[in-house]
C-alpha cells in the first residue's frame, strides 16, 4: 500500500520571525546604502570629485591674515599729500 508523505509543517513562530526580520534587514541595508551613497559611488566617479575638490581648495583668510594695510597706506599717502599742501599754503600766507 502507498504511504502518505509526511510534510514537515513550519512552525508559526519561524514563519512570523522570517516575515518580521527579513523586511527589517532589507530596510536596514537600504538605509546604510543611502547613508554612505557618496562613499560608495566615489570610486566610480573620479572625474566629478576632481572638479569638486579643485573648486573648494582655496581657504578664506582669517581676520588676522586679512591685509587692510594697503588701504591704510593709501589713506596715509593722501593724508601726507594733503598735509604737505596745507603746509605749503600756510608758508605762502606767512
PDB file of N, CA and C in Angstrom:
ATOM      1  N   UNK A   1       0.784  -1.160   0.000  1.00  0.00           N
ATOM      2  CA  UNK A   1       0.000   0.000   0.000  1.00  0.00           C
ATOM      3  C   UNK A   1       0.858   1.269   0.000  1.00  0.00           C
ATOM      4  N   UNK A   2       0.404   2.349  -0.639  1.00  0.00           N
ATOM      5  CA  UNK A   2       1.160   3.589  -0.705  1.00  0.00           C
ATOM      6  C   UNK A   2       1.043   4.339   0.613  1.00  0.00           C
ATOM      7  N   UNK A   3       2.177   4.837   1.008  1.00  0.00           N
ATOM      8  CA  UNK A   3       2.175   5.597   2.268  1.00  0.00           C
ATOM      9  C   UNK A   3       2.102   7.100   1.960  1.00  0.00           C
ATOM     10  N   UNK A   4       1.497   7.826   2.846  1.00  0.00           N
ATOM     11  CA  UNK A   4       1.410   9.284   2.706  1.00  0.00           C
ATOM     12  C   UNK A   4       2.765   9.894   3.051  1.00  0.00           C
ATOM     13  N   UNK A   5       3.143  10.896   2.242  1.00  0.00           N
ATOM     14  CA  UNK A   5       4.374  11.620   2.573  1.00  0.00           C
ATOM     15  C   UNK A   5       4.110  12.500   3.784  1.00  0.00           C
ATOM     16  N   UNK A   6       5.054  12.481   4.654  1.00  0.00           N
ATOM     17  CA  UNK A   6       4.917  13.348   5.822  1.00  0.00           C
ATOM     18  C   UNK A   6       5.580  14.688   5.510  1.00  0.00           C
ATOM     19  N   UNK A   7       4.777  15.684   5.438  1.00  0.00           N
ATOM     20  CA  UNK A   7       5.268  17.031   5.158  1.00  0.00           C
ATOM     21  C   UNK A   7       5.484  17.722   6.492  1.00  0.00           C
ATOM     22  N   UNK A   8       6.721  18.218   6.678  1.00  0.00           N
ATOM     23  CA  UNK A   8       7.003  18.934   7.919  1.00  0.00           C
ATOM     24  C   UNK A   8       6.361  20.309   7.828  1.00  0.00           C
ATOM     25  N   UNK A   9       5.590  20.613   8.797  1.00  0.00           N
ATOM     26  CA  UNK A   9       4.978  21.927   8.842  1.00  0.00           C
ATOM     27  C   UNK A   9       5.933  22.871   9.556  1.00  0.00           C
ATOM     28  N   UNK A  10       6.134  24.033   8.938  1.00  0.00           N
ATOM     29  CA  UNK A  10       6.969  25.034   9.585  1.00  0.00           C
ATOM     30  C   UNK A  10       6.189  25.611  10.757  1.00  0.00           C
ATOM     31  N   UNK A  11       6.887  25.834  11.820  1.00  0.00           N
ATOM     32  CA  UNK A  11       6.194  26.372  12.989  1.00  0.00           C
ATOM     33  C   UNK A  11       5.757  27.816  12.708  1.00  0.00           C
ATOM     34  N   UNK A  12       4.706  28.206  13.322  1.00  0.00           N
ATOM     35  CA  UNK A  12       4.191  29.549  13.116  1.00  0.00           C
ATOM     36  C   UNK A  12       5.179  30.594  13.620  1.00  0.00           C
ATOM     37  N   UNK A  13       5.986  30.254  14.629  1.00  0.00           N
ATOM     38  CA  UNK A  13       6.975  31.184  15.175  1.00  0.00           C
ATOM     39  C   UNK A  13       8.069  31.466  14.151  1.00  0.00           C
ATOM     40  N   UNK A  14       8.530  30.409  13.500  1.00  0.00           N
ATOM     41  CA  UNK A  14       9.572  30.571  12.496  1.00  0.00           C
ATOM     42  C   UNK A  14       9.063  31.435  11.342  1.00  0.00           C
ATOM     43  N   UNK A  15       7.870  31.210  10.904  1.00  0.00           N
ATOM     44  CA  UNK A  15       7.273  31.989   9.819  1.00  0.00           C
ATOM     45  C   UNK A  15       7.117  33.448  10.227  1.00  0.00           C
ATOM     46  N   UNK A  16       6.662  33.680  11.444  1.00  0.00           N
ATOM     47  CA  UNK A  16       6.473  35.045  11.929  1.00  0.00           C
ATOM     48  C   UNK A  16       7.809  35.772  12.014  1.00  0.00           C
ATOM     49  N   UNK A  17       8.849  35.080  12.485  1.00  0.00           N
ATOM     50  CA  UNK A  17      10.169  35.703  12.579  1.00  0.00           C
ATOM     51  C   UNK A  17      10.731  36.039  11.202  1.00  0.00           C
ATOM     52  N   UNK A  18      10.556  35.160  10.246  1.00  0.00           N
ATOM     53  CA  UNK A  18      11.050  35.415   8.886  1.00  0.00           C
ATOM     54  C   UNK A  18      10.326  36.613   8.284  1.00  0.00           C
ATOM     55  N   UNK A  19       9.009  36.643   8.409  1.00  0.00           N
ATOM     56  CA  UNK A  19       8.238  37.753   7.859  1.00  0.00           C
ATOM     57  C   UNK A  19       8.515  39.069   8.578  1.00  0.00           C
ATOM     58  N   UNK A  20       9.007  39.011   9.799  1.00  0.00           N
ATOM     59  CA  UNK A  20       9.301  40.229  10.547  1.00  0.00           C
ATOM     60  C   UNK A  20      10.717  40.716  10.287  1.00  0.00           C
ATOM     61  N   UNK A  21      11.692  39.830  10.411  1.00  0.00           N
ATOM     62  CA  UNK A  21      13.080  40.255  10.361  1.00  0.00           C
ATOM     63  C   UNK A  21      13.645  40.410   8.958  1.00  0.00           C
ATOM     64  N   UNK A  22      13.139  39.698   7.986  1.00  0.00           N
ATOM     65  CA  UNK A  22      13.650  39.849   6.629  1.00  0.00           C
ATOM     66  C   UNK A  22      13.393  41.255   6.083  1.00  0.00           C
ATOM     67  N   UNK A  23      12.181  41.809   6.197  1.00  0.00           N
ATOM     68  CA  UNK A  23      11.988  43.196   5.739  1.00  0.00           C
ATOM     69  C   UNK A  23      12.817  44.211   6.532  1.00  0.00           C
ATOM     70  N   UNK A  24      12.958  44.003   7.830  1.00  0.00           N
ATOM     71  CA  UNK A  24      13.797  44.904   8.625  1.00  0.00           C
ATOM     72  C   UNK A  24      15.251  44.857   8.162  1.00  0.00           C
ATOM     73  N   UNK A  25      15.723  43.687   7.851  1.00  0.00           N
ATOM     74  CA  UNK A  25      17.088  43.526   7.363  1.00  0.00           C
ATOM     75  C   UNK A  25      17.264  44.240   6.023  1.00  0.00           C
ATOM     76  N   UNK A  26      16.316  44.076   5.132  1.00  0.00           N
ATOM     77  CA  UNK A  26      16.396  44.724   3.818  1.00  0.00           C
ATOM     78  C   UNK A  26      16.341  46.242   3.975  1.00  0.00           C
ATOM     79  N   UNK A  27      15.445  46.735   4.818  1.00  0.00           N
ATOM     80  CA  UNK A  27      15.346  48.173   5.038  1.00  0.00           C
ATOM     81  C   UNK A  27      16.615  48.733   5.680  1.00  0.00           C
ATOM     82  N   UNK A  28      17.214  48.005   6.583  1.00  0.00           N
ATOM     83  CA  UNK A  28      18.455  48.493   7.195  1.00  0.00           C
ATOM     84  C   UNK A  28      19.591  48.528   6.177  1.00  0.00           C
ATOM     85  N   UNK A  29      19.651  47.540   5.288  1.00  0.00           N
ATOM     86  CA  UNK A  29      20.657  47.581   4.224  1.00  0.00           C
ATOM     87  C   UNK A  29      20.423  48.777   3.299  1.00  0.00           C
ATOM     88  N   UNK A  30      19.177  49.041   2.975  1.00  0.00           N
ATOM     89  CA  UNK A  30      18.859  50.184   2.122  1.00  0.00           C
ATOM     90  C   UNK A  30      19.217  51.497   2.811  1.00  0.00           C
ATOM     91  N   UNK A  31      18.981  51.584   4.097  1.00  0.00           N
ATOM     92  CA  UNK A  31      19.323  52.794   4.848  1.00  0.00           C
ATOM     93  C   UNK A  31      20.829  53.017   4.880  1.00  0.00           C
ATOM     94  N   UNK A  32      21.586  51.974   5.133  1.00  0.00           N
ATOM     95  CA  UNK A  32      23.049  52.096   5.157  1.00  0.00           C
ATOM     96  C   UNK A  32      23.568  52.485   3.779  1.00  0.00           C
ATOM     97  N   UNK A  33      23.012  51.910   2.731  1.00  0.00           N
ATOM     98  CA  UNK A  33      23.421  52.271   1.370  1.00  0.00           C
ATOM     99  C   UNK A  33      23.105  53.734   1.084  1.00  0.00           C
ATOM    100  N   UNK A  34      21.944  54.210   1.537  1.00  0.00           N
ATOM    101  CA  UNK A  34      21.579  55.612   1.342  1.00  0.00           C
ATOM    102  C   UNK A  34      22.499  56.530   2.137  1.00  0.00           C
ATOM    103  N   UNK A  35      22.832  56.128   3.350  1.00  0.00           N
ATOM    104  CA  UNK A  35      23.659  56.944   4.230  1.00  0.00           C
ATOM    105  C   UNK A  35      25.062  57.117   3.667  1.00  0.00           C
ATOM    106  N   UNK A  36      25.634  56.055   3.137  1.00  0.00           N
ATOM    107  CA  UNK A  36      27.007  56.088   2.634  1.00  0.00           C
ATOM    108  C   UNK A  36      27.065  56.111   1.103  1.00  0.00           C
ATOM    109  N   UNK A  37      26.043  56.665   0.447  1.00  0.00           N
ATOM    110  CA  UNK A  37      25.976  56.628  -1.010  1.00  0.00           C
ATOM    111  C   UNK A  37      27.149  57.369  -1.655  1.00  0.00           C
ATOM    112  N   UNK A  38      27.564  58.510  -1.120  1.00  0.00           N
ATOM    113  CA  UNK A  38      28.693  59.235  -1.689  1.00  0.00           C
ATOM    114  C   UNK A  38      29.981  58.430  -1.599  1.00  0.00           C
ATOM    115  N   UNK A  39      30.175  57.765  -0.487  1.00  0.00           N
ATOM    116  CA  UNK A  39      31.374  56.942  -0.332  1.00  0.00           C
ATOM    117  C   UNK A  39      31.349  55.729  -1.253  1.00  0.00           C
ATOM    118  N   UNK A  40      30.166  55.194  -1.477  1.00  0.00           N
ATOM    119  CA  UNK A  40      30.047  54.019  -2.338  1.00  0.00           C
ATOM    120  C   UNK A  40      30.310  54.389  -3.796  1.00  0.00           C
ATOM    121  N   UNK A  41      29.799  55.538  -4.236  1.00  0.00           N
ATOM    122  CA  UNK A  41      29.930  55.926  -5.642  1.00  0.00           C
ATOM    123  C   UNK A  41      31.215  56.687  -5.941  1.00  0.00           C
ATOM    124  N   UNK A  42      31.994  57.065  -4.940  1.00  0.00           N
ATOM    125  CA  UNK A  42      33.205  57.849  -5.159  1.00  0.00           C
ATOM    126  C   UNK A  42      34.205  57.162  -6.091  1.00  0.00           C
ATOM    127  N   UNK A  43      34.510  55.886  -5.943  1.00  0.00           N
ATOM    128  CA  UNK A  43      35.490  55.277  -6.848  1.00  0.00           C
ATOM    129  C   UNK A  43      35.022  55.217  -8.301  1.00  0.00           C
ATOM    130  N   UNK A  44      33.736  55.257  -8.520  1.00  0.00           N
ATOM    131  CA  UNK A  44      33.205  55.144  -9.865  1.00  0.00           C
ATOM    132  C   UNK A  44      33.063  56.491 -10.560  1.00  0.00           C
ATOM    133  N   UNK A  45      33.197  57.577  -9.824  1.00  0.00           N
ATOM    134  CA  UNK A  45      33.060  58.910 -10.419  1.00  0.00           C
ATOM    135  C   UNK A  45      34.261  59.767 -10.046  1.00  0.00           C
ATOM    136  N   UNK A  46      35.429  59.389 -10.503  1.00  0.00           N
ATOM    137  CA  UNK A  46      36.664  60.095 -10.154  1.00  0.00           C
ATOM    138  C   UNK A  46      36.717  61.481 -10.783  1.00  0.00           C
ATOM    139  N   UNK A  47      36.185  61.664 -11.986  1.00  0.00           N
ATOM    140  CA  UNK A  47      36.250  62.957 -12.648  1.00  0.00           C
ATOM    141  C   UNK A  47      35.441  64.011 -11.901  1.00  0.00           C
ATOM    142  N   UNK A  48      34.290  63.646 -11.423  1.00  0.00           N
ATOM    143  CA  UNK A  48      33.444  64.608 -10.719  1.00  0.00           C
ATOM    144  C   UNK A  48      34.097  65.049  -9.416  1.00  0.00           C
ATOM    145  N   UNK A  49      34.735  64.135  -8.720  1.00  0.00           N
ATOM    146  CA  UNK A  49      35.354  64.512  -7.448  1.00  0.00           C
ATOM    147  C   UNK A  49      36.563  65.401  -7.677  1.00  0.00           C
ATOM    148  N   UNK A  50      37.281  65.228  -8.773  1.00  0.00           N
ATOM    149  CA  UNK A  50      38.418  66.102  -9.050  1.00  0.00           C
ATOM    150  C   UNK A  50      37.935  67.524  -9.241  1.00  0.00           C
ATOM    151  N   UNK A  51      36.847  67.710  -9.967  1.00  0.00           N
ATOM    152  CA  UNK A  51      36.304  69.037 -10.177  1.00  0.00           C
ATOM    153  C   UNK A  51      35.833  69.649  -8.871  1.00  0.00           C
ATOM    154  N   UNK A  52      35.160  68.853  -8.049  1.00  0.00           N
ATOM    155  CA  UNK A  52      34.667  69.344  -6.765  1.00  0.00           C
ATOM    156  C   UNK A  52      35.826  69.710  -5.840  1.00  0.00           C
ATOM    157  N   UNK A  53      36.878  68.905  -5.842  1.00  0.00           N
ATOM    158  CA  UNK A  53      37.999  69.173  -4.950  1.00  0.00           C
ATOM    159  C   UNK A  53      38.755  70.434  -5.357  1.00  0.00           C
ATOM    160  N   UNK A  54      38.935  70.666  -6.640  1.00  0.00           N
ATOM    161  CA  UNK A  54      39.704  71.822  -7.062  1.00  0.00           C
ATOM    162  C   UNK A  54      38.934  73.121  -6.876  1.00  0.00           C
ATOM    163  N   UNK A  55      37.612  73.074  -6.883  1.00  0.00           N
ATOM    164  CA  UNK A  55      36.853  74.297  -6.706  1.00  0.00           C
ATOM    165  C   UNK A  55      36.926  74.828  -5.285  1.00  0.00           C
ATOM    166  N   UNK A  56      36.910  73.976  -4.315  1.00  0.00           N
ATOM    167  CA  UNK A  56      36.855  74.427  -2.932  1.00  0.00           C
ATOM    168  C   UNK A  56      38.166  74.371  -2.188  1.00  0.00           C
ATOM    169  N   UNK A  57      39.303  74.354  -2.866  1.00  0.00           N
ATOM    170  CA  UNK A  57      40.565  74.200  -2.166  1.00  0.00           C
ATOM    171  C   UNK A  57      41.087  75.498  -1.580  1.00  0.00           C
ATOM    172  N   UNK A  58      40.691  76.630  -2.124  1.00  0.00           N
ATOM    173  CA  UNK A  58      41.200  77.882  -1.581  1.00  0.00           C
ATOM    174  C   UNK A  58      40.491  78.175  -0.276  1.00  0.00           C
ATOM    175  N   UNK A  59      41.264  78.454   0.727  1.00  0.00           N
ATOM    176  CA  UNK A  59      40.671  78.740   2.022  1.00  0.00           C
ATOM    177  C   UNK A  59      40.596  80.250   2.200  1.00  0.00           C
ATOM    178  N   UNK A  60      39.598  80.685   2.915  1.00  0.00           N
ATOM    179  CA  UNK A  60      39.440  82.117   3.129  1.00  0.00           C
ATOM    180  C   UNK A  60      40.395  82.555   4.234  1.00  0.00           C
ATOM    181  N   UNK A  61      40.988  83.711   4.098  1.00  0.00           N
ATOM    182  CA  UNK A  61      41.927  84.167   5.127  1.00  0.00           C
ATOM    183  C   UNK A  61      41.195  84.511   6.416  1.00  0.00           C
ATOM    184  N   UNK A  62      41.890  84.316   7.505  1.00  0.00           N
ATOM    185  CA  UNK A  62      41.313  84.630   8.808  1.00  0.00           C
ATOM    186  C   UNK A  62      41.395  86.133   9.032  1.00  0.00           C
ATOM    187  N   UNK A  63      40.816  86.608  10.118  1.00  0.00           N
ATOM    188  CA  UNK A  63      40.814  88.036  10.395  1.00  0.00           C
ATOM    189  C   UNK A  63      42.232  88.577  10.544  1.00  0.00           C
ATOM    190  N   UNK A  64      43.095  87.793  11.206  1.00  0.00           N
ATOM    191  CA  UNK A  64      44.457  88.259  11.419  1.00  0.00           C
ATOM    192  C   UNK A  64      45.268  88.239  10.128  1.00  0.00           C
ATOM    193  N   UNK A  65      44.848  87.406   9.154  1.00  0.00           N
ATOM    194  CA  UNK A  65      45.587  87.302   7.907  1.00  0.00           C
ATOM    195  C   UNK A  65      45.120  88.296   6.856  1.00  0.00           C
ATOM    196  N   UNK A  66      43.970  88.914   7.052  1.00  0.00           N
ATOM    197  CA  UNK A  66      43.480  89.875   6.080  1.00  0.00           C
ATOM    198  C   UNK A  66      44.401  91.088   6.061  1.00  0.00           C
ATOM    199  N   UNK A  67      44.554  91.681   4.899  1.00  0.00           N
ATOM    200  CA  UNK A  67      45.531  92.751   4.746  1.00  0.00           C
ATOM    201  C   UNK A  67      44.821  94.086   4.526  1.00  0.00           C
ATOM    202  N   UNK A  68      44.494  94.778   5.603  1.00  0.00           N
ATOM    203  CA  UNK A  68      43.918  96.108   5.436  1.00  0.00           C
ATOM    204  C   UNK A  68      45.013  97.165   5.307  1.00  0.00           C
ATOM    205  N   UNK A  69      46.281  96.775   5.400  1.00  0.00           N
ATOM    206  CA  UNK A  69      47.390  97.715   5.364  1.00  0.00           C
ATOM    207  C   UNK A  69      47.443  98.526   4.075  1.00  0.00           C
ATOM    208  N   UNK A  70      47.284  97.962   2.881  1.00  0.00           N
ATOM    209  CA  UNK A  70      47.344  98.790   1.685  1.00  0.00           C
ATOM    210  C   UNK A  70      46.292  99.902   1.683  1.00  0.00           C
ATOM    211  N   UNK A  71      45.122  99.617   2.191  1.00  0.00           N
ATOM    212  CA  UNK A  71      44.097 100.651   2.263  1.00  0.00           C
ATOM    213  C   UNK A  71      44.535 101.755   3.216  1.00  0.00           C
ATOM    214  N   UNK A  72      45.113 101.386   4.340  1.00  0.00           N
ATOM    215  CA  UNK A  72      45.594 102.389   5.290  1.00  0.00           C
ATOM    216  C   UNK A  72      46.748 103.180   4.693  1.00  0.00           C
ATOM    217  N   UNK A  73      47.633 102.514   4.001  1.00  0.00           N
ATOM    218  CA  UNK A  73      48.775 103.199   3.411  1.00  0.00           C
ATOM    219  C   UNK A  73      48.316 104.217   2.376  1.00  0.00           C
ATOM    220  N   UNK A  74      47.340 103.850   1.560  1.00  0.00           N
ATOM    221  CA  UNK A  74      46.867 104.799   0.556  1.00  0.00           C
ATOM    222  C   UNK A  74      46.222 106.000   1.240  1.00  0.00           C
ATOM    223  N   UNK A  75      45.491 105.776   2.315  1.00  0.00           N
ATOM    224  CA  UNK A  75      44.902 106.893   3.047  1.00  0.00           C
ATOM    225  C   UNK A  75      45.995 107.748   3.675  1.00  0.00           C
ATOM    226  N   UNK A  76      47.035 107.092   4.190  1.00  0.00           N
ATOM    227  CA  UNK A  76      48.133 107.842   4.793  1.00  0.00           C
ATOM    228  C   UNK A  76      48.843 108.680   3.741  1.00  0.00           C
ATOM    229  N   UNK A  77      49.019 108.112   2.534  1.00  0.00           N
ATOM    230  CA  UNK A  77      49.665 108.872   1.471  1.00  0.00           C
ATOM    231  C   UNK A  77      48.834 110.092   1.110  1.00  0.00           C
ATOM    232  N   UNK A  78      47.523 109.891   1.046  1.00  0.00           N
ATOM    233  CA  UNK A  78      46.647 111.025   0.751  1.00  0.00           C
ATOM    234  C   UNK A  78      46.739 112.047   1.873  1.00  0.00           C
ATOM    235  N   UNK A  79      46.737 111.572   3.093  1.00  0.00           N
ATOM    236  CA  UNK A  79      46.838 112.497   4.219  1.00  0.00           C
ATOM    237  C   UNK A  79      48.179 113.213   4.207  1.00  0.00           C
ATOM    238  N   UNK A  80      49.251 112.515   3.883  1.00  0.00           N
ATOM    239  CA  UNK A  80      50.566 113.145   3.807  1.00  0.00           C
ATOM    240  C   UNK A  80      50.595 114.195   2.701  1.00  0.00           C
ATOM    241  N   UNK A  81      49.992 113.850   1.560  1.00  0.00           N
ATOM    242  CA  UNK A  81      49.966 114.806   0.454  1.00  0.00           C
ATOM    243  C   UNK A  81      49.137 116.025   0.833  1.00  0.00           C
ATOM    244  N   UNK A  82      48.006 115.820   1.469  1.00  0.00           N
ATOM    245  CA  UNK A  82      47.166 116.948   1.907  1.00  0.00           C
ATOM    246  C   UNK A  82      47.899 117.786   2.941  1.00  0.00           C
ATOM    247  N   UNK A  83      48.594 117.109   3.834  1.00  0.00           N
ATOM    248  CA  UNK A  83      49.317 117.845   4.876  1.00  0.00           C
ATOM    249  C   UNK A  83      50.409 118.712   4.257  1.00  0.00           C
ATOM    250  N   UNK A  84      51.111 118.179   3.266  1.00  0.00           N
ATOM    251  CA  UNK A  84      52.167 118.953   2.609  1.00  0.00           C
ATOM    252  C   UNK A  84      51.588 120.157   1.871  1.00  0.00           C
ATOM    253  N   UNK A  85      50.465 119.943   1.212  1.00  0.00           N
ATOM    254  CA  UNK A  85      49.830 121.056   0.513  1.00  0.00           C
ATOM    255  C   UNK A  85      49.400 122.136   1.493  1.00  0.00           C
ATOM    256  N   UNK A  86      48.823 121.705   2.619  1.00  0.00           N
ATOM    257  CA  UNK A  86      48.395 122.682   3.615  1.00  0.00           C
ATOM    258  C   UNK A  86      49.578 123.432   4.209  1.00  0.00           C
ATOM    259  N   UNK A  87      50.692 122.723   4.443  1.00  0.00           N
ATOM    260  CA  UNK A  87      51.885 123.390   4.956  1.00  0.00           C
ATOM    261  C   UNK A  87      52.399 124.407   3.950  1.00  0.00           C
ATOM    262  N   UNK A  88      52.370 124.041   2.681  1.00  0.00           N
ATOM    263  CA  UNK A  88      52.806 124.967   1.634  1.00  0.00           C
ATOM    264  C   UNK A  88      51.910 126.192   1.586  1.00  0.00           C
ATOM    265  N   UNK A  89      50.617 125.976   1.696  1.00  0.00           N
ATOM    266  CA  UNK A  89      49.677 127.105   1.693  1.00  0.00           C
ATOM    267  C   UNK A  89      49.928 127.993   2.893  1.00  0.00           C
ATOM    268  N   UNK A  90      50.160 127.421   4.066  1.00  0.00           N
ATOM    269  CA  UNK A  90      50.410 128.197   5.276  1.00  0.00           C
ATOM    270  C   UNK A  90      51.726 128.948   5.172  1.00  0.00           C
ATOM    271  N   UNK A  91      52.722 128.347   4.591  1.00  0.00           N
ATOM    272  CA  UNK A  91      54.016 129.019   4.413  1.00  0.00           C
ATOM    273  C   UNK A  91      53.895 130.210   3.469  1.00  0.00           C
ATOM    274  N   UNK A  92      53.082 130.024   2.432  1.00  0.00           N
ATOM    275  CA  UNK A  92      52.903 131.098   1.453  1.00  0.00           C
ATOM    276  C   UNK A  92      52.172 132.287   2.063  1.00  0.00           C
ATOM    277  N   UNK A  93      51.269 132.049   2.974  1.00  0.00           N
ATOM    278  CA  UNK A  93      50.494 133.123   3.582  1.00  0.00           C
ATOM    279  C   UNK A  93      51.318 133.899   4.617  1.00  0.00           C
ATOM    280  N   UNK A  94      52.343 133.295   5.135  1.00  0.00           N
ATOM    281  CA  UNK A  94      53.124 133.971   6.175  1.00  0.00           C
ATOM    282  C   UNK A  94      54.120 134.890   5.594  1.00  0.00           C
TER     283      UNK A  94
END
